Amino acid sequence: MKFTLLQFQEETVADLVSHIRNSIDEVGRVGLQGAGQAVVLVAPTGAGKTVMAAAALENLFFGDGQSLGEDDELTVVWLSDLPNVNEQTMKKLEAASERFDRRLVTIDNSFRGDELPPGNVYFLNTQKLGVNSNLVSSGDDRDASIWEILTRTIRRNPAKFLLVIDEAHRGMERANASSEEATTIVQRFVLGFSDLPKVPIIVG
């Protein structure tokens, strides 16, 4: 990290990483058959949530320098509801850590591939996942839709696919609280739908 974390930030990061690692272990044990794991990073405005997230991701990707080593199988997708939020977050992560060099990837209409290679943080926003988006279908020199790419990536190693939902409360409202059907794009990741299994580990 380029920044020295305050004590409360260090404690928050340590707690966050511990919960994520426990979730990884649990999903590694039960696979996609489990109920799924949810971890939440909560802090007041201005507390440095993105810096803390950067520190946590550094720990997960590169180890803690002691008992835990690098993880070259981890894939992280950072989901937000606006493109400019993703751009701001990428700049903050780059400012917080030099270790993410060339590991921060924006998924847009130019993206090609059958799945997401591990070792990176992929930035995706819900506006690119609407029914009129090129990403949600094959064609235009694209062999797979984004849903197929994400599904293959999840199934490759469910315990090593981590979804970070920025401002996680947005898009979670349901008209029928008892319904298990996804009614928003964010809920498709949480609950799953016909084109995507529910993501096994989510950080809000």
Protein backbone atom coordinates (compact mmCIF):
# COMPACT_ATOMS: atom_id res chain seq x y z
CA MET A 1 0.00 0.00 0.00
CA LYS A 2 1.14 3.52 -0.77
CA PHE A 3 -0.83 4.80 2.22
CA THR A 4 -0.35 4.05 5.89
CA LEU A 5 -3.68 2.89 7.25
CA LEU A 6 -5.06 4.30 10.46
CA GLN A 7 -5.60 1.83 13.27
CA PHE A 8 -9.36 1.54 12.75
CA GLN A 9 -8.75 0.97 9.02
CA GLU A 10 -6.21 -1.77 9.74
CA GLU A 11 -8.68 -3.46 12.07
CA THR A 12 -11.50 -3.17 9.54
CA VAL A 13 -9.33 -4.60 6.75
CA ALA A 14 -8.17 -7.50 8.92
CA ASP A 15 -11.77 -8.32 9.81
CA LEU A 16 -12.89 -8.03 6.18
CA VAL A 17 -10.10 -10.27 4.90
CA SER A 18 -10.79 -12.85 7.62
CA HIS A 19 -14.47 -13.03 6.68
CA ILE A 20 -13.68 -13.28 2.97
CA ARG A 21 -11.15 -16.05 3.53
CA ASN A 22 -13.68 -17.93 5.66
CA SER A 23 -16.20 -17.54 2.83
CA ILE A 24 -13.64 -18.84 0.32
CA ASP A 25 -13.04 -21.88 2.52
CA GLU A 26 -16.78 -22.54 2.85
CA VAL A 27 -17.50 -22.24 -0.86
CA GLY A 28 -14.45 -24.39 -1.54
CA ARG A 29 -16.09 -27.04 0.64
CA VAL A 30 -19.66 -26.90 -0.73
CA GLY A 31 -19.22 -25.35 -4.19
CA LEU A 32 -22.25 -23.80 -5.87
CA GLN A 33 -24.61 -26.02 -3.88
CA GLY A 34 -24.37 -23.87 -0.76
CA ALA A 35 -26.51 -20.93 0.28
CA GLY A 36 -23.82 -18.43 -0.73
CA GLN A 37 -21.67 -16.10 1.32
CA ALA A 38 -22.09 -12.38 1.91
CA VAL A 39 -19.55 -10.05 3.53
CA VAL A 40 -20.20 -6.36 4.16
CA LEU A 41 -17.75 -3.46 4.48
CA VAL A 42 -19.50 -0.69 6.40
CA ALA A 43 -17.88 2.61 7.33
CA PRO A 44 -18.96 6.25 7.60
CA THR A 45 -18.62 8.60 4.64
CA GLY A 46 -15.02 9.76 4.37
CA ALA A 47 -13.61 6.80 6.31
CA GLY A 48 -11.74 5.54 3.25
CA LYS A 49 -13.77 2.50 2.19
CA THR A 50 -12.05 2.28 -1.20
CA VAL A 51 -8.60 2.46 0.39
CA MET A 52 -9.63 -0.27 2.84
CA ALA A 53 -10.98 -2.35 -0.03
CA ALA A 54 -7.67 -1.88 -1.87
CA ALA A 55 -5.77 -3.09 1.19
CA ALA A 56 -8.04 -6.12 1.49
CA LEU A 57 -7.64 -7.01 -2.19
CA GLU A 58 -3.86 -6.62 -1.89
CA ASN A 59 -3.91 -9.11 0.97
CA LEU A 60 -6.10 -11.56 -0.94
CA PHE A 61 -4.09 -11.38 -4.18
CA PHE A 62 -0.56 -11.06 -2.81
CA GLY A 63 -0.73 -12.58 0.66
CA ASP A 64 -0.01 -11.09 4.04
CA GLY A 65 3.77 -11.42 3.85
CA GLN A 66 3.70 -14.02 6.61
CA SER A 67 1.65 -17.22 6.63
CA LEU A 68 -0.45 -16.58 3.50
CA GLY A 69 1.10 -16.38 0.03
CA GLU A 70 -0.10 -15.12 -3.32
CA ASP A 71 -3.35 -16.35 -4.84
CA ASP A 72 -3.07 -16.55 -8.62
CA GLU A 73 -6.52 -18.16 -9.01
CA LEU A 74 -8.61 -15.31 -7.60
CA THR A 75 -10.89 -13.35 -9.95
CA VAL A 76 -12.64 -10.19 -8.72
CA VAL A 77 -15.51 -8.39 -10.46
CA TRP A 78 -16.28 -4.88 -9.16
CA LEU A 79 -19.88 -3.98 -10.03
CA SER A 80 -21.31 -0.48 -9.86
CA ASP A 81 -24.32 1.25 -11.33
CA LEU A 82 -22.46 4.03 -13.18
CA PRO A 83 -19.42 4.07 -15.52
CA ASN A 84 -17.92 7.16 -13.89
CA VAL A 85 -18.05 5.46 -10.48
CA ASN A 86 -15.94 2.63 -11.89
CA GLU A 87 -13.45 5.11 -13.32
CA GLN A 88 -13.17 6.91 -9.97
CA THR A 89 -12.71 3.62 -8.14
CA MET A 90 -9.99 2.45 -10.54
CA LYS A 91 -8.08 5.71 -10.01
CA LYS A 92 -8.42 5.36 -6.24
CA LEU A 93 -7.14 1.78 -6.31
CA GLU A 94 -4.21 2.83 -8.48
CA ALA A 95 -3.47 5.70 -6.12
CA ALA A 96 -3.67 3.43 -3.07
CA SER A 97 -1.54 0.56 -4.36
CA GLU A 98 1.16 0.15 -6.99
CA ARG A 99 0.62 -3.62 -6.96
CA PHE A 100 -2.51 -3.44 -9.12
CA ASP A 101 -0.52 -2.29 -12.15
CA ARG A 102 -2.13 -3.83 -15.26
CA ARG A 103 -4.50 -5.85 -13.09
CA LEU A 104 -7.42 -3.40 -13.31
CA VAL A 105 -9.54 -4.18 -16.37
CA THR A 106 -12.67 -2.43 -17.64
CA ILE A 107 -15.22 -4.73 -19.26
CA ASP A 108 -16.81 -2.92 -22.19
CA ASN A 109 -17.98 -3.71 -25.71
CA SER A 110 -14.38 -4.29 -26.84
CA PHE A 111 -13.92 -7.18 -24.38
CA ARG A 112 -13.29 -10.57 -25.96
CA GLY A 113 -12.78 -13.98 -24.42
CA ASP A 114 -14.53 -17.11 -23.22
CA GLU A 115 -13.96 -16.40 -19.54
CA LEU A 116 -12.20 -13.90 -17.27
CA PRO A 117 -8.53 -14.76 -16.72
CA PRO A 118 -7.68 -14.94 -12.98
CA GLY A 119 -5.47 -12.48 -11.16
CA ASN A 120 -7.35 -9.32 -12.11
CA VAL A 121 -10.03 -6.92 -10.87
CA TYR A 122 -12.66 -6.45 -13.58
CA PHE A 123 -14.86 -3.36 -13.54
CA LEU A 124 -18.40 -3.74 -14.82
CA ASN A 125 -21.42 -1.49 -14.48
CA THR A 126 -25.07 -2.36 -14.65
CA GLN A 127 -25.75 0.07 -17.52
CA LYS A 128 -23.68 -2.19 -19.79
CA LEU A 129 -25.90 -5.16 -18.95
CA GLY A 130 -29.23 -3.89 -20.25
CA VAL A 131 -31.14 -5.78 -22.93
CA ASN A 132 -29.88 -3.41 -25.64
CA SER A 133 -26.21 -3.79 -24.73
CA ASN A 134 -23.87 -5.64 -27.07
CA LEU A 135 -22.27 -7.33 -24.08
CA VAL A 136 -25.32 -9.43 -23.26
CA SER A 137 -25.33 -11.19 -26.63
CA SER A 138 -22.86 -12.90 -28.92
CA GLY A 139 -22.10 -11.57 -32.38
CA ASP A 140 -20.09 -8.58 -33.60
CA ASP A 141 -16.96 -10.75 -33.46
CA ARG A 142 -17.92 -11.89 -29.95
CA ASP A 143 -18.29 -15.64 -29.39
CA ALA A 144 -19.94 -15.41 -25.97
CA SER A 145 -22.23 -13.07 -24.06
CA ILE A 146 -21.04 -11.53 -20.79
CA TRP A 147 -23.42 -13.86 -18.92
CA GLU A 148 -21.75 -16.89 -20.54
CA ILE A 149 -18.30 -15.48 -19.76
CA LEU A 150 -19.22 -14.89 -16.11
CA THR A 151 -20.84 -18.31 -15.79
CA ARG A 152 -17.75 -20.09 -17.12
CA THR A 153 -15.54 -18.05 -14.80
CA ILE A 154 -17.67 -18.87 -11.76
CA ARG A 155 -17.89 -22.58 -12.58
CA ARG A 156 -14.11 -22.75 -13.18
CA ASN A 157 -13.54 -22.23 -9.47
CA PRO A 158 -16.55 -20.96 -7.47
CA ALA A 159 -14.47 -20.33 -4.34
CA LYS A 160 -12.11 -18.01 -6.24
CA PHE A 161 -14.74 -15.75 -7.82
CA LEU A 162 -15.41 -12.65 -5.76
CA LEU A 163 -18.07 -10.05 -6.61
CA VAL A 164 -17.75 -6.61 -5.04
CA ILE A 165 -20.99 -4.62 -5.26
CA ASP A 166 -20.33 -0.90 -4.89
CA GLU A 167 -23.12 0.90 -3.01
CA ALA A 168 -24.69 -2.50 -2.43
CA HIS A 169 -28.03 -1.17 -1.20
CA ARG A 170 -28.88 0.14 -4.68
CA GLY A 171 -30.91 -2.16 -6.87
CA MET A 172 -31.87 -4.46 -4.01
CA GLU A 173 -35.46 -3.33 -3.54
CA ARG A 174 -38.10 -5.92 -4.38
CA ALA A 175 -41.80 -5.23 -4.75
CA ASN A 176 -42.50 -8.65 -3.26
CA ALA A 177 -40.09 -9.29 -0.41
CA SER A 178 -40.82 -13.01 -0.45
CA SER A 179 -40.03 -13.41 -4.15
CA GLU A 180 -36.88 -15.31 -5.11
CA GLU A 181 -36.96 -13.94 -8.66
CA ALA A 182 -34.43 -11.30 -9.66
CA THR A 183 -36.07 -8.06 -10.74
CA THR A 184 -32.95 -5.91 -11.18
CA ILE A 185 -29.54 -6.54 -12.71
CA VAL A 186 -27.87 -6.47 -9.29
CA GLN A 187 -30.33 -9.08 -8.05
CA ARG A 188 -29.41 -11.33 -10.98
CA PHE A 189 -25.93 -11.65 -9.51
CA VAL A 190 -27.25 -12.20 -5.98
CA LEU A 191 -30.15 -14.55 -6.73
CA GLY A 192 -29.07 -15.97 -10.08
CA PHE A 193 -31.29 -16.30 -13.14
CA SER A 194 -31.57 -18.41 -16.27
CA ASP A 195 -28.27 -17.15 -17.75
CA LEU A 196 -26.16 -16.93 -14.58
CA PRO A 197 -25.78 -18.95 -11.36
CA LYS A 198 -25.95 -16.91 -8.20
CA VAL A 199 -22.53 -15.60 -7.29
CA PRO A 200 -21.26 -17.67 -4.33
CA ILE A 201 -19.26 -14.90 -2.59
CA ILE A 202 -20.39 -11.29 -2.53
CA VAL A 203 -18.79 -8.32 -0.80
CA GLY A 204 -21.07 -5.33 -0.32
